Amino acid sequence: QVQLVESGGGLVQAGGSLRLSCAVSGRTFSSSAVGWFRQAPGKEREFVAAIRWSGGNTLYAESVKGRFTISRDNGKNAVCLQMNSLKPEDTAVYYCAQSPGVGLPPYDSWYHYWGQGTQVTVSS
């Protein structure tokens, strides 16, 4: 079994930055993918970014491209999401998830393991 635990959420002003971390435990292979999703009140859960567990290739939603960076946490079994130039529209609960597939799917159903989520609130 794979377990994921998110941390790093909080309250930040527009234009500020936050760094989320997803700690991953259990057996994970280099071909697996870890993705970040978010869900705001009254909105559907949406894809944010994904990375291959081995690092390297990444995929970003158009709404966060150029502002967010997904990466492996150096020396740790974790994936981070560095969020810069935050906007009020980024306010949501952010979830990390793991997919056993070989690609970087931006689809909820392709991810089999999920964390509990961490709240990100961006004020105007």
C-alpha atoms as a PDB file:
ATOM      1  CA  GLN A   1       0.000   0.000   0.000  1.00  0.00           C
ATOM      2  CA  VAL A   2       1.038   3.567  -0.673  1.00  0.00           C
ATOM      3  CA  GLN A   3       0.319   6.381   1.760  1.00  0.00           C
ATOM      4  CA  LEU A   4       0.578  10.091   1.031  1.00  0.00           C
ATOM      5  CA  VAL A   5       0.466  12.956   3.523  1.00  0.00           C
ATOM      6  CA  GLU A   6       0.289  16.597   2.442  1.00  0.00           C
ATOM      7  CA  SER A   7       1.587  19.531   4.455  1.00  0.00           C
ATOM      8  CA  GLY A   8       2.527  23.171   4.004  1.00  0.00           C
ATOM      9  CA  GLY A   9      -0.828  24.788   3.376  1.00  0.00           C
ATOM     10  CA  GLY A  10      -1.822  28.060   4.965  1.00  0.00           C
ATOM     11  CA  LEU A  11      -2.980  31.622   4.451  1.00  0.00           C
ATOM     12  CA  VAL A  12      -1.040  33.917   2.141  1.00  0.00           C
ATOM     13  CA  GLN A  13      -1.665  37.239   0.424  1.00  0.00           C
ATOM     14  CA  ALA A  14      -2.043  37.477  -3.324  1.00  0.00           C
ATOM     15  CA  GLY A  15       1.357  37.524  -4.965  1.00  0.00           C
ATOM     16  CA  GLY A  16       2.913  35.487  -2.188  1.00  0.00           C
ATOM     17  CA  SER A  17       4.304  31.970  -2.154  1.00  0.00           C
ATOM     18  CA  LEU A  18       3.729  28.645  -0.450  1.00  0.00           C
ATOM     19  CA  ARG A  19       5.538  25.333  -0.668  1.00  0.00           C
ATOM     20  CA  LEU A  20       3.499  22.173  -0.278  1.00  0.00           C
ATOM     21  CA  SER A  21       5.039  18.811   0.500  1.00  0.00           C
ATOM     22  CA  CYS A  22       3.668  15.326  -0.091  1.00  0.00           C
ATOM     23  CA  ALA A  23       5.361  12.613   1.947  1.00  0.00           C
ATOM     24  CA  VAL A  24       5.098   9.223   0.265  1.00  0.00           C
ATOM     25  CA  SER A  25       5.442   5.906   2.087  1.00  0.00           C
ATOM     26  CA  GLY A  26       5.188   2.375   0.821  1.00  0.00           C
ATOM     27  CA  ARG A  27       6.672   0.804  -2.247  1.00  0.00           C
ATOM     28  CA  THR A  28       6.869   3.199  -5.161  1.00  0.00           C
ATOM     29  CA  PHE A  29       8.522   2.496  -8.485  1.00  0.00           C
ATOM     30  CA  SER A  30      10.287   4.927 -10.759  1.00  0.00           C
ATOM     31  CA  SER A  31       7.578   4.541 -13.386  1.00  0.00           C
ATOM     32  CA  SER A  32       4.882   5.762 -10.986  1.00  0.00           C
ATOM     33  CA  ALA A  33       3.557   9.303 -11.109  1.00  0.00           C
ATOM     34  CA  VAL A  34       2.641  11.678  -8.310  1.00  0.00           C
ATOM     35  CA  GLY A  35       0.144  14.409  -9.031  1.00  0.00           C
ATOM     36  CA  TRP A  36      -1.315  17.430  -7.296  1.00  0.00           C
ATOM     37  CA  PHE A  37      -5.011  18.219  -7.538  1.00  0.00           C
ATOM     38  CA  ARG A  38      -7.104  20.928  -5.926  1.00  0.00           C
ATOM     39  CA  GLN A  39     -10.738  21.479  -5.101  1.00  0.00           C
ATOM     40  CA  ALA A  40     -12.365  24.762  -4.154  1.00  0.00           C
ATOM     41  CA  PRO A  41     -15.823  25.089  -2.581  1.00  0.00           C
ATOM     42  CA  GLY A  42     -18.474  24.805  -5.251  1.00  0.00           C
ATOM     43  CA  LYS A  43     -15.995  23.680  -7.888  1.00  0.00           C
ATOM     44  CA  GLU A  44     -14.922  20.324  -9.245  1.00  0.00           C
ATOM     45  CA  ARG A  45     -11.569  18.838  -8.379  1.00  0.00           C
ATOM     46  CA  GLU A  46      -9.009  19.877 -10.963  1.00  0.00           C
ATOM     47  CA  PHE A  47      -5.570  18.768 -12.004  1.00  0.00           C
ATOM     48  CA  VAL A  48      -2.653  20.996 -11.007  1.00  0.00           C
ATOM     49  CA  ALA A  49       0.624  19.232 -11.801  1.00  0.00           C
ATOM     50  CA  ALA A  50       2.254  15.817 -11.993  1.00  0.00           C
ATOM     51  CA  ILE A  51       5.758  14.382 -11.961  1.00  0.00           C
ATOM     52  CA  ARG A  52       7.288  10.989 -12.556  1.00  0.00           C
ATOM     53  CA  TRP A  53       8.529   9.485  -9.283  1.00  0.00           C
ATOM     54  CA  SER A  54      12.005   9.229 -10.723  1.00  0.00           C
ATOM     55  CA  GLY A  55      11.926  12.944 -11.454  1.00  0.00           C
ATOM     56  CA  GLY A  56      12.362  14.541 -14.823  1.00  0.00           C
ATOM     57  CA  ASN A  57       9.262  15.082 -16.911  1.00  0.00           C
ATOM     58  CA  THR A  58       6.500  17.208 -15.465  1.00  0.00           C
ATOM     59  CA  LEU A  59       3.027  18.278 -16.515  1.00  0.00           C
ATOM     60  CA  TYR A  60       1.166  21.423 -15.466  1.00  0.00           C
ATOM     61  CA  ALA A  61      -2.333  22.750 -15.802  1.00  0.00           C
ATOM     62  CA  GLU A  62      -2.445  25.838 -17.985  1.00  0.00           C
ATOM     63  CA  SER A  63      -3.760  27.913 -15.086  1.00  0.00           C
ATOM     64  CA  VAL A  64      -0.617  27.360 -13.008  1.00  0.00           C
ATOM     65  CA  LYS A  65       2.043  27.048 -15.698  1.00  0.00           C
ATOM     66  CA  GLY A  66       4.913  29.421 -15.039  1.00  0.00           C
ATOM     67  CA  ARG A  67       3.860  29.994 -11.423  1.00  0.00           C
ATOM     68  CA  PHE A  68       3.958  26.518  -9.850  1.00  0.00           C
ATOM     69  CA  THR A  69       6.829  24.034  -9.867  1.00  0.00           C
ATOM     70  CA  ILE A  70       6.540  20.354  -8.974  1.00  0.00           C
ATOM     71  CA  SER A  71       9.669  18.482  -7.937  1.00  0.00           C
ATOM     72  CA  ARG A  72      11.079  15.640  -5.885  1.00  0.00           C
ATOM     73  CA  ASP A  73      12.241  16.677  -2.419  1.00  0.00           C
ATOM     74  CA  ASN A  74      15.982  16.108  -2.445  1.00  0.00           C
ATOM     75  CA  GLY A  75      16.976  13.047  -0.429  1.00  0.00           C
ATOM     76  CA  LYS A  76      13.446  12.324   0.788  1.00  0.00           C
ATOM     77  CA  ASN A  77      10.474  10.266  -0.328  1.00  0.00           C
ATOM     78  CA  ALA A  78       8.437  13.351  -1.017  1.00  0.00           C
ATOM     79  CA  VAL A  79       7.104  15.515  -3.807  1.00  0.00           C
ATOM     80  CA  CYS A  80       6.862  19.267  -3.421  1.00  0.00           C
ATOM     81  CA  LEU A  81       4.745  21.900  -5.101  1.00  0.00           C
ATOM     82  CA  GLN A  82       6.305  25.354  -5.038  1.00  0.00           C
ATOM     83  CA  MET A  83       3.557  27.911  -5.611  1.00  0.00           C
ATOM     84  CA  ASN A  84       4.568  31.452  -6.535  1.00  0.00           C
ATOM     85  CA  SER A  85       2.565  34.509  -7.586  1.00  0.00           C
ATOM     86  CA  LEU A  86      -0.484  33.097  -5.857  1.00  0.00           C
ATOM     87  CA  LYS A  87      -3.909  34.385  -6.808  1.00  0.00           C
ATOM     88  CA  PRO A  88      -7.210  34.267  -4.907  1.00  0.00           C
ATOM     89  CA  GLU A  89      -8.385  31.801  -7.554  1.00  0.00           C
ATOM     90  CA  ASP A  90      -5.762  29.356  -6.242  1.00  0.00           C
ATOM     91  CA  THR A  91      -7.665  29.011  -2.964  1.00  0.00           C
ATOM     92  CA  ALA A  92      -8.561  25.347  -2.537  1.00  0.00           C
ATOM     93  CA  VAL A  93      -7.805  22.144  -0.706  1.00  0.00           C
ATOM     94  CA  TYR A  94      -4.749  20.657  -2.375  1.00  0.00           C
ATOM     95  CA  TYR A  95      -4.368  16.887  -2.629  1.00  0.00           C
ATOM     96  CA  CYS A  96      -1.475  14.734  -3.724  1.00  0.00           C
ATOM     97  CA  ALA A  97      -2.081  11.386  -5.352  1.00  0.00           C
ATOM     98  CA  GLN A  98      -0.134   8.506  -6.845  1.00  0.00           C
ATOM     99  CA  SER A  99      -0.718   6.721 -10.117  1.00  0.00           C
ATOM    100  CA  PRO A 100       0.872   3.353 -10.943  1.00  0.00           C
ATOM    101  CA  GLY A 101       0.852   4.183 -14.635  1.00  0.00           C
ATOM    102  CA  VAL A 102       3.842   5.047 -16.749  1.00  0.00           C
ATOM    103  CA  GLY A 103       2.549   8.425 -17.902  1.00  0.00           C
ATOM    104  CA  LEU A 104       1.590  11.708 -16.261  1.00  0.00           C
ATOM    105  CA  PRO A 105      -2.201  11.544 -16.435  1.00  0.00           C
ATOM    106  CA  PRO A 106      -4.194  14.683 -15.571  1.00  0.00           C
ATOM    107  CA  TYR A 107      -7.240  12.578 -14.699  1.00  0.00           C
ATOM    108  CA  ASP A 108      -8.534  11.884 -11.186  1.00  0.00           C
ATOM    109  CA  SER A 109      -9.591   8.333 -11.982  1.00  0.00           C
ATOM    110  CA  TRP A 110      -6.084   7.297 -12.957  1.00  0.00           C
ATOM    111  CA  TYR A 111      -4.736   7.981  -9.469  1.00  0.00           C
ATOM    112  CA  HIS A 112      -5.276   5.136  -6.994  1.00  0.00           C
ATOM    113  CA  TYR A 113      -3.887   6.558  -3.742  1.00  0.00           C
ATOM    114  CA  TRP A 114      -4.729   9.941  -2.232  1.00  0.00           C
ATOM    115  CA  GLY A 115      -3.645  12.087   0.672  1.00  0.00           C
ATOM    116  CA  GLN A 116      -5.969  13.868   3.073  1.00  0.00           C
ATOM    117  CA  GLY A 117      -5.455  17.324   1.589  1.00  0.00           C
ATOM    118  CA  THR A 118      -4.073  20.621   2.862  1.00  0.00           C
ATOM    119  CA  GLN A 119      -5.874  23.962   2.772  1.00  0.00           C
ATOM    120  CA  VAL A 120      -4.436  26.854   0.783  1.00  0.00           C
ATOM    121  CA  THR A 121      -6.115  30.240   1.154  1.00  0.00           C
ATOM    122  CA  VAL A 122      -5.018  33.272  -0.865  1.00  0.00           C
ATOM    123  CA  SER A 123      -6.377  36.644   0.212  1.00  0.00           C
ATOM    124  CA  SER A 124      -6.783  39.688  -2.019  1.00  0.00           C
END
